[in-house]
PDB file of N, CA and C in Angstrom:
ATOM      1  N   UNK A   1     107.868 111.003 111.091  1.00  0.00           N
ATOM      2  CA  UNK A   1     107.492 111.102 109.698  1.00  0.00           C
ATOM      3  C   UNK A   1     106.604 109.909 109.717  1.00  0.00           C
ATOM      4  N   UNK A   2     105.733 109.384 109.317  1.00  0.00           N
ATOM      5  CA  UNK A   2     105.285 108.048 109.211  1.00  0.00           C
ATOM      6  C   UNK A   2     105.840 107.200 107.499  1.00  0.00           C
ATOM      7  N   UNK A   3     106.608 106.291 107.791  1.00  0.00           N
ATOM      8  CA  UNK A   3     106.719 105.613 106.849  1.00  0.00           C
ATOM      9  C   UNK A   3     105.915 104.017 106.465  1.00  0.00           C
ATOM     10  N   UNK A   4     106.340 103.455 105.149  1.00  0.00           N
ATOM     11  CA  UNK A   4     105.742 102.415 104.789  1.00  0.00           C
ATOM     12  C   UNK A   4     106.452 101.866 104.095  1.00  0.00           C
ATOM     13  N   UNK A   5     106.944 100.058 103.816  1.00  0.00           N
ATOM     14  CA  UNK A   5     107.276  99.320 103.420  1.00  0.00           C
ATOM     15  C   UNK A   5     106.355  99.179 101.791  1.00  0.00           C
ATOM     16  N   UNK A   6     106.771 100.222 100.537  1.00  0.00           N
ATOM     17  CA  UNK A   6     106.100  99.897  99.775  1.00  0.00           C
ATOM     18  C   UNK A   6     105.785  98.611  99.016  1.00  0.00           C
ATOM     19  N   UNK A   7     106.937  97.742  99.019  1.00  0.00           N
ATOM     20  CA  UNK A   7     106.829  96.291  98.600  1.00  0.00           C
ATOM     21  C   UNK A   7     105.755  95.515  99.582  1.00  0.00           C
ATOM     22  N   UNK A   8     105.220  95.543 100.579  1.00  0.00           N
ATOM     23  CA  UNK A   8     104.369  95.585 101.481  1.00  0.00           C
ATOM     24  C   UNK A   8     103.206  95.459 100.645  1.00  0.00           C
ATOM     25  N   UNK A   9     102.826  96.861 100.296  1.00  0.00           N
ATOM     26  CA  UNK A   9     101.757  97.037 100.156  1.00  0.00           C
ATOM     27  C   UNK A   9     101.042  97.689  98.743  1.00  0.00           C
ATOM     28  N   UNK A  10     102.505  97.765  97.777  1.00  0.00           N
ATOM     29  CA  UNK A  10     101.756  97.753  96.024  1.00  0.00           C
ATOM     30  C   UNK A  10     102.525  96.168  95.446  1.00  0.00           C
ATOM     31  N   UNK A  11     101.664  96.259  94.534  1.00  0.00           N
ATOM     32  CA  UNK A  11     101.952  95.225  93.189  1.00  0.00           C
ATOM     33  C   UNK A  11     103.260  95.720  92.776  1.00  0.00           C
ATOM     34  N   UNK A  12     104.148  94.771  92.666  1.00  0.00           N
ATOM     35  CA  UNK A  12     105.322  95.139  91.953  1.00  0.00           C
ATOM     36  C   UNK A  12     105.854  96.456  91.311  1.00  0.00           C
ATOM     37  N   UNK A  13     105.059  96.589  90.385  1.00  0.00           N
ATOM     38  CA  UNK A  13     105.214  97.488  88.966  1.00  0.00           C
ATOM     39  C   UNK A  13     104.611  98.894  89.525  1.00  0.00           C
ATOM     40  N   UNK A  14     104.584  99.034  90.766  1.00  0.00           N
ATOM     41  CA  UNK A  14     104.358 100.230  91.232  1.00  0.00           C
ATOM     42  C   UNK A  14     104.801 100.568  92.751  1.00  0.00           C
ATOM     43  N   UNK A  15     105.677 100.059  92.707  1.00  0.00           N
ATOM     44  CA  UNK A  15     106.556  99.910  94.231  1.00  0.00           C
ATOM     45  C   UNK A  15     107.598 101.084  93.775  1.00  0.00           C
ATOM     46  N   UNK A  16     108.262 100.944  92.580  1.00  0.00           N
ATOM     47  CA  UNK A  16     109.548 102.151  92.447  1.00  0.00           C
ATOM     48  C   UNK A  16     108.940 103.489  91.956  1.00  0.00           C
ATOM     49  N   UNK A  17     107.295 103.592  92.283  1.00  0.00           N
ATOM     50  CA  UNK A  17     106.576 105.233  91.656  1.00  0.00           C
ATOM     51  C   UNK A  17     106.736 105.893  92.822  1.00  0.00           C
ATOM     52  N   UNK A  18     106.650 107.291  92.139  1.00  0.00           N
ATOM     53  CA  UNK A  18     106.282 108.663  92.795  1.00  0.00           C
ATOM     54  C   UNK A  18     104.936 108.729  93.911  1.00  0.00           C
ATOM     55  N   UNK A  19     105.044 108.928  95.148  1.00  0.00           N
ATOM     56  CA  UNK A  19     103.433 109.019  95.842  1.00  0.00           C
ATOM     57  C   UNK A  19     102.333 109.585  95.162  1.00  0.00           C
ATOM     58  N   UNK A  20     103.193 110.774  94.285  1.00  0.00           N
ATOM     59  CA  UNK A  20     101.466 111.373  93.687  1.00  0.00           C
ATOM     60  C   UNK A  20     101.136 110.334  92.364  1.00  0.00           C
ATOM     61  N   UNK A  21     102.207 109.506  91.966  1.00  0.00           N
ATOM     62  CA  UNK A  21     101.782 108.691  90.996  1.00  0.00           C
ATOM     63  C   UNK A  21     100.939 107.034  91.866  1.00  0.00           C
ATOM     64  N   UNK A  22     101.087 106.674  92.456  1.00  0.00           N
ATOM     65  CA  UNK A  22     100.773 105.839  93.902  1.00  0.00           C
ATOM     66  C   UNK A  22      99.428 105.877  94.001  1.00  0.00           C
ATOM     67  N   UNK A  23      99.027 107.894  93.969  1.00  0.00           N
ATOM     68  CA  UNK A  23      97.734 108.117  94.788  1.00  0.00           C
ATOM     69  C   UNK A  23      96.819 107.771  93.558  1.00  0.00           C
ATOM     70  N   UNK A  24      97.232 108.323  92.455  1.00  0.00           N
ATOM     71  CA  UNK A  24      96.509 108.571  91.443  1.00  0.00           C
ATOM     72  C   UNK A  24      96.395 106.877  90.631  1.00  0.00           C
ATOM     73  N   UNK A  25      97.027 105.909  90.745  1.00  0.00           N
ATOM     74  CA  UNK A  25      96.990 104.519  90.367  1.00  0.00           C
ATOM     75  C   UNK A  25      95.385 104.154  90.536  1.00  0.00           C
ATOM     76  N   UNK A  26      95.343 103.054  90.016  1.00  0.00           N
ATOM     77  CA  UNK A  26      93.849 102.353  90.203  1.00  0.00           C
ATOM     78  C   UNK A  26      94.258 101.748  91.573  1.00  0.00           C
ATOM     79  N   UNK A  27      93.197 101.493  92.188  1.00  0.00           N
ATOM     80  CA  UNK A  27      92.998 100.623  92.985  1.00  0.00           C
ATOM     81  C   UNK A  27      93.647  99.159  93.074  1.00  0.00           C
ATOM     82  N   UNK A  28      93.519  98.357  91.891  1.00  0.00           N
ATOM     83  CA  UNK A  28      94.254  97.191  92.104  1.00  0.00           C
ATOM     84  C   UNK A  28      95.839  97.701  91.943  1.00  0.00           C
ATOM     85  N   UNK A  29      96.228  98.820  92.180  1.00  0.00           N
ATOM     86  CA  UNK A  29      98.183  98.422  92.589  1.00  0.00           C
ATOM     87  C   UNK A  29      98.041  98.170  93.852  1.00  0.00           C
ATOM     88  N   UNK A  30      97.136  98.157  94.713  1.00  0.00           N
ATOM     89  CA  UNK A  30      97.428  97.841  96.016  1.00  0.00           C
ATOM     90  C   UNK A  30      97.643  96.197  96.222  1.00  0.00           C
ATOM     91  N   UNK A  31      98.562  96.017  96.861  1.00  0.00           N
ATOM     92  CA  UNK A  31      98.758  94.170  96.879  1.00  0.00           C
ATOM     93  C   UNK A  31      97.292  93.483  97.093  1.00  0.00           C
ATOM     94  N   UNK A  32      96.904  92.239  97.015  1.00  0.00           N
ATOM     95  CA  UNK A  32      95.579  92.190  96.998  1.00  0.00           C
ATOM     96  C   UNK A  32      94.703  92.670  96.463  1.00  0.00           C
ATOM     97  N   UNK A  33      94.469  93.791  96.094  1.00  0.00           N
ATOM     98  CA  UNK A  33      93.188  94.076  95.141  1.00  0.00           C
ATOM     99  C   UNK A  33      93.258  93.640  93.873  1.00  0.00           C
ATOM    100  N   UNK A  34      92.450  92.951  93.053  1.00  0.00           N
ATOM    101  CA  UNK A  34      92.071  92.416  92.069  1.00  0.00           C
ATOM    102  C   UNK A  34      91.494  93.346  91.112  1.00  0.00           C
ATOM    103  N   UNK A  35      92.186  93.245  89.746  1.00  0.00           N
ATOM    104  CA  UNK A  35      91.304  94.312  89.370  1.00  0.00           C
ATOM    105  C   UNK A  35      89.666  93.724  88.671  1.00  0.00           C
ATOM    106  N   UNK A  36      89.195  93.071  89.535  1.00  0.00           N
ATOM    107  CA  UNK A  36      87.728  92.505  89.334  1.00  0.00           C
ATOM    108  C   UNK A  36      87.625  93.741  90.727  1.00  0.00           C
ATOM    109  N   UNK A  37      88.209  93.342  91.769  1.00  0.00           N
ATOM    110  CA  UNK A  37      87.820  94.233  93.100  1.00  0.00           C
ATOM    111  C   UNK A  37      87.891  95.698  92.742  1.00  0.00           C
ATOM    112  N   UNK A  38      88.770  96.322  91.807  1.00  0.00           N
ATOM    113  CA  UNK A  38      88.836  97.687  91.694  1.00  0.00           C
ATOM    114  C   UNK A  38      87.391  98.018  90.519  1.00  0.00           C
ATOM    115  N   UNK A  39      86.761  97.127  89.879  1.00  0.00           N
ATOM    116  CA  UNK A  39      85.587  97.180  89.312  1.00  0.00           C
ATOM    117  C   UNK A  39      84.190  97.318  89.962  1.00  0.00           C
ATOM    118  N   UNK A  40      84.484  96.813  91.369  1.00  0.00           N
ATOM    119  CA  UNK A  40      83.503  96.763  91.919  1.00  0.00           C
ATOM    120  C   UNK A  40      83.588  97.578  92.546  1.00  0.00           C
ATOM    121  N   UNK A  41      85.014  98.242  93.235  1.00  0.00           N
ATOM    122  CA  UNK A  41      84.737  99.538  94.321  1.00  0.00           C
ATOM    123  C   UNK A  41      84.044 100.492  93.411  1.00  0.00           C
ATOM    124  N   UNK A  42      84.771 100.715  92.257  1.00  0.00           N
ATOM    125  CA  UNK A  42      84.560 101.950  91.161  1.00  0.00           C
ATOM    126  C   UNK A  42      82.712 101.301  91.230  1.00  0.00           C
ATOM    127  N   UNK A  43      82.058 100.597  91.100  1.00  0.00           N
ATOM    128  CA  UNK A  43      80.730 100.226  90.747  1.00  0.00           C
ATOM    129  C   UNK A  43      79.746 101.004  91.969  1.00  0.00           C
ATOM    130  N   UNK A  44      80.550 100.360  92.976  1.00  0.00           N
ATOM    131  CA  UNK A  44      79.592 100.585  94.656  1.00  0.00           C
ATOM    132  C   UNK A  44      79.933 101.969  95.146  1.00  0.00           C
ATOM    133  N   UNK A  45      81.053 102.582  95.134  1.00  0.00           N
ATOM    134  CA  UNK A  45      81.496 103.741  95.509  1.00  0.00           C
ATOM    135  C   UNK A  45      82.174 104.813  94.713  1.00  0.00           C
ATOM    136  N   UNK A  46      82.335 104.634  93.470  1.00  0.00           N
ATOM    137  CA  UNK A  46      82.922 105.633  93.099  1.00  0.00           C
ATOM    138  C   UNK A  46      84.712 105.374  92.769  1.00  0.00           C
ATOM    139  N   UNK A  47      85.047 104.667  93.084  1.00  0.00           N
ATOM    140  CA  UNK A  47      86.285 104.567  93.759  1.00  0.00           C
ATOM    141  C   UNK A  47      87.189 103.922  92.598  1.00  0.00           C
ATOM    142  N   UNK A  48      88.147 105.101  92.036  1.00  0.00           N
ATOM    143  CA  UNK A  48      89.119 104.289  90.668  1.00  0.00           C
ATOM    144  C   UNK A  48      90.731 104.698  90.897  1.00  0.00           C
ATOM    145  N   UNK A  49      90.693 105.527  92.265  1.00  0.00           N
ATOM    146  CA  UNK A  49      92.531 105.662  92.432  1.00  0.00           C
ATOM    147  C   UNK A  49      92.645 105.337  94.068  1.00  0.00           C
ATOM    148  N   UNK A  50      93.632 105.187  94.503  1.00  0.00           N
ATOM    149  CA  UNK A  50      94.243 104.746  95.347  1.00  0.00           C
ATOM    150  C   UNK A  50      93.947 105.742  96.274  1.00  0.00           C
ATOM    151  N   UNK A  51      93.898 107.095  96.084  1.00  0.00           N
ATOM    152  CA  UNK A  51      93.707 108.141  96.595  1.00  0.00           C
ATOM    153  C   UNK A  51      91.775 108.083  97.283  1.00  0.00           C
ATOM    154  N   UNK A  52      91.531 108.036  95.978  1.00  0.00           N
ATOM    155  CA  UNK A  52      89.972 107.375  96.113  1.00  0.00           C
ATOM    156  C   UNK A  52      89.596 106.678  97.506  1.00  0.00           C
ATOM    157  N   UNK A  53      90.204 105.613  97.678  1.00  0.00           N
ATOM    158  CA  UNK A  53      89.933 104.701  98.244  1.00  0.00           C
ATOM    159  C   UNK A  53      90.247 105.272  99.452  1.00  0.00           C
ATOM    160  N   UNK A  54      91.043 105.911  99.818  1.00  0.00           N
ATOM    161  CA  UNK A  54      91.725 106.611 100.871  1.00  0.00           C
ATOM    162  C   UNK A  54      90.835 107.362 101.993  1.00  0.00           C
ATOM    163  N   UNK A  55      90.218 107.875 100.727  1.00  0.00           N
ATOM    164  CA  UNK A  55      89.141 109.182 101.003  1.00  0.00           C
ATOM    165  C   UNK A  55      87.780 108.748 101.295  1.00  0.00           C
ATOM    166  N   UNK A  56      87.798 107.480 100.867  1.00  0.00           N
ATOM    167  CA  UNK A  56      86.294 106.629 101.146  1.00  0.00           C
ATOM    168  C   UNK A  56      85.544 107.145 102.427  1.00  0.00           C
ATOM    169  N   UNK A  57      84.851 107.609 102.473  1.00  0.00           N
ATOM    170  CA  UNK A  57      84.352 107.299 104.204  1.00  0.00           C
ATOM    171  C   UNK A  57      83.911 106.350 104.876  1.00  0.00           C
ATOM    172  N   UNK A  58      83.716 105.172 104.426  1.00  0.00           N
ATOM    173  CA  UNK A  58      83.310 103.966 104.662  1.00  0.00           C
ATOM    174  C   UNK A  58      85.160 103.809 105.300  1.00  0.00           C
ATOM    175  N   UNK A  59      86.161 103.781 105.021  1.00  0.00           N
ATOM    176  CA  UNK A  59      87.088 103.443 105.465  1.00  0.00           C
ATOM    177  C   UNK A  59      87.845 104.211 106.658  1.00  0.00           C
ATOM    178  N   UNK A  60      87.474 105.580 106.184  1.00  0.00           N
ATOM    179  CA  UNK A  60      88.013 106.459 107.313  1.00  0.00           C
ATOM    180  C   UNK A  60      87.208 105.975 108.703  1.00  0.00           C
ATOM    181  N   UNK A  61      85.629 105.934 108.260  1.00  0.00           N
ATOM    182  CA  UNK A  61      85.131 105.396 109.604  1.00  0.00           C
ATOM    183  C   UNK A  61      85.767 104.168 110.708  1.00  0.00           C
ATOM    184  N   UNK A  62      85.577 103.229 109.251  1.00  0.00           N
ATOM    185  CA  UNK A  62      86.488 101.910 110.155  1.00  0.00           C
ATOM    186  C   UNK A  62      87.870 102.173 110.677  1.00  0.00           C
ATOM    187  N   UNK A  63      88.396 103.259 110.138  1.00  0.00           N
ATOM    188  CA  UNK A  63      89.671 103.085 110.485  1.00  0.00           C
ATOM    189  C   UNK A  63      89.524 104.179 112.086  1.00  0.00           C
ATOM    190  N   UNK A  64      88.668 105.033 112.353  1.00  0.00           N
ATOM    191  CA  UNK A  64      88.303 105.580 113.557  1.00  0.00           C
ATOM    192  C   UNK A  64      88.136 104.508 114.318  1.00  0.00           C
ATOM    193  N   UNK A  65      87.141 103.716 114.287  1.00  0.00           N
ATOM    194  CA  UNK A  65      86.635 102.804 114.891  1.00  0.00           C
ATOM    195  C   UNK A  65      87.638 101.332 115.590  1.00  0.00           C
ATOM    196  N   UNK A  66      88.463 101.347 114.654  1.00  0.00           N
ATOM    197  CA  UNK A  66      89.636 100.376 115.090  1.00  0.00           C
ATOM    198  C   UNK A  66      90.700 101.359 116.004  1.00  0.00           C
ATOM    199  N   UNK A  67      90.626 102.648 115.728  1.00  0.00           N
ATOM    200  CA  UNK A  67      91.593 103.540 116.585  1.00  0.00           C
ATOM    201  C   UNK A  67      90.906 103.568 118.057  1.00  0.00           C
ATOM    202  N   UNK A  68      90.119 103.580 118.211  1.00  0.00           N
ATOM    203  CA  UNK A  68      89.092 104.019 119.181  1.00  0.00           C
ATOM    204  C   UNK A  68      89.193 102.465 119.980  1.00  0.00           C
ATOM    205  N   UNK A  69      88.778 101.398 119.167  1.00  0.00           N
ATOM    206  CA  UNK A  69      89.273  99.877 119.870  1.00  0.00           C
ATOM    207  C   UNK A  69      90.716  99.770 120.553  1.00  0.00           C
ATOM    208  N   UNK A  70      91.598 100.298 119.390  1.00  0.00           N
ATOM    209  CA  UNK A  70      93.145 100.301 120.123  1.00  0.00           C
ATOM    210  C   UNK A  70      93.585 101.157 121.201  1.00  0.00           C
ATOM    211  N   UNK A  71      92.757 101.963 121.400  1.00  0.00           N
ATOM    212  CA  UNK A  71      92.935 103.090 122.671  1.00  0.00           C
ATOM    213  C   UNK A  71      92.487 102.729 123.598  1.00  0.00           C
ATOM    214  N   UNK A  72      91.775 101.388 124.052  1.00  0.00           N
ATOM    215  CA  UNK A  72      91.213 101.174 125.347  1.00  0.00           C
ATOM    216  C   UNK A  72      92.490 100.729 126.174  1.00  0.00           C
TER     217      UNK A  72
END
Protein backbone atom coordinates (compact mmCIF):
# COMPACT_ATOMS: atom_id res chain seq x y z
CA UNK A 1 0.00 0.00 0.00
CA UNK A 2 1.28 3.46 -0.89
CA UNK A 3 1.76 6.10 1.77
CA UNK A 4 2.59 9.78 1.82
CA UNK A 5 3.63 12.28 4.47
CA UNK A 6 0.65 14.63 4.38
CA UNK A 7 2.57 17.35 6.23
CA UNK A 8 4.92 17.56 3.24
CA UNK A 9 2.25 17.86 0.55
CA UNK A 10 -0.63 19.72 2.20
CA UNK A 11 -1.09 23.08 3.82
CA UNK A 12 -1.31 22.72 7.61
CA UNK A 13 -5.07 23.27 7.64
CA UNK A 14 -5.61 20.12 5.57
CA UNK A 15 -3.02 17.73 7.03
CA UNK A 16 -5.42 16.25 9.59
CA UNK A 17 -8.36 15.80 7.20
CA UNK A 18 -9.64 12.51 5.81
CA UNK A 19 -8.71 11.42 2.31
CA UNK A 20 -12.22 12.14 0.94
CA UNK A 21 -12.03 15.66 2.43
CA UNK A 22 -8.58 16.22 0.91
CA UNK A 23 -9.67 15.03 -2.53
CA UNK A 24 -12.67 17.39 -2.37
CA UNK A 25 -10.49 20.29 -1.19
CA UNK A 26 -9.55 23.17 -3.47
CA UNK A 27 -6.20 22.68 -5.18
CA UNK A 28 -4.64 25.38 -3.00
CA UNK A 29 -4.81 22.81 -0.17
CA UNK A 30 -1.66 21.41 -1.79
CA UNK A 31 1.52 22.91 -0.39
CA UNK A 32 2.99 25.40 -2.84
CA UNK A 33 -0.24 25.97 -4.78
CA UNK A 34 -1.64 29.43 -4.12
CA UNK A 35 -5.25 30.52 -4.27
CA UNK A 36 -4.36 32.43 -7.48
CA UNK A 37 -2.81 29.25 -8.93
CA UNK A 38 -6.08 27.48 -8.13
CA UNK A 39 -8.05 30.18 -9.93
CA UNK A 40 -5.80 29.88 -12.97
CA UNK A 41 -6.12 26.07 -13.01
CA UNK A 42 -9.88 26.47 -12.88
CA UNK A 43 -9.88 28.99 -15.73
CA UNK A 44 -7.53 26.97 -17.91
CA UNK A 45 -8.66 23.41 -17.24
CA UNK A 46 -11.79 23.49 -15.05
CA UNK A 47 -9.79 22.12 -12.12
CA UNK A 48 -11.49 22.96 -8.83
CA UNK A 49 -10.40 20.19 -6.45
CA UNK A 50 -7.39 18.07 -5.63
CA UNK A 51 -9.22 15.14 -7.26
CA UNK A 52 -9.81 17.18 -10.43
CA UNK A 53 -6.10 18.00 -10.55
CA UNK A 54 -5.14 14.34 -10.14
CA UNK A 55 -7.48 13.36 -12.98
CA UNK A 56 -6.24 16.07 -15.34
CA UNK A 57 -5.06 14.31 -18.47
CA UNK A 58 -2.01 16.55 -18.80
CA UNK A 59 -0.85 15.59 -15.31
CA UNK A 60 -1.32 11.90 -16.15
CA UNK A 61 0.56 12.28 -19.43
CA UNK A 62 3.47 14.00 -17.67
CA UNK A 63 3.54 11.26 -14.99
CA UNK A 64 3.57 8.56 -17.68
CA UNK A 65 6.44 10.24 -19.51
CA UNK A 66 8.42 10.59 -16.27
CA UNK A 67 7.79 6.91 -15.45
CA UNK A 68 9.05 5.89 -18.88
CA UNK A 69 12.20 7.94 -18.33
CA UNK A 70 12.72 6.45 -14.87
CA UNK A 71 12.39 2.92 -16.30
CA UNK A 72 15.39 3.40 -18.61
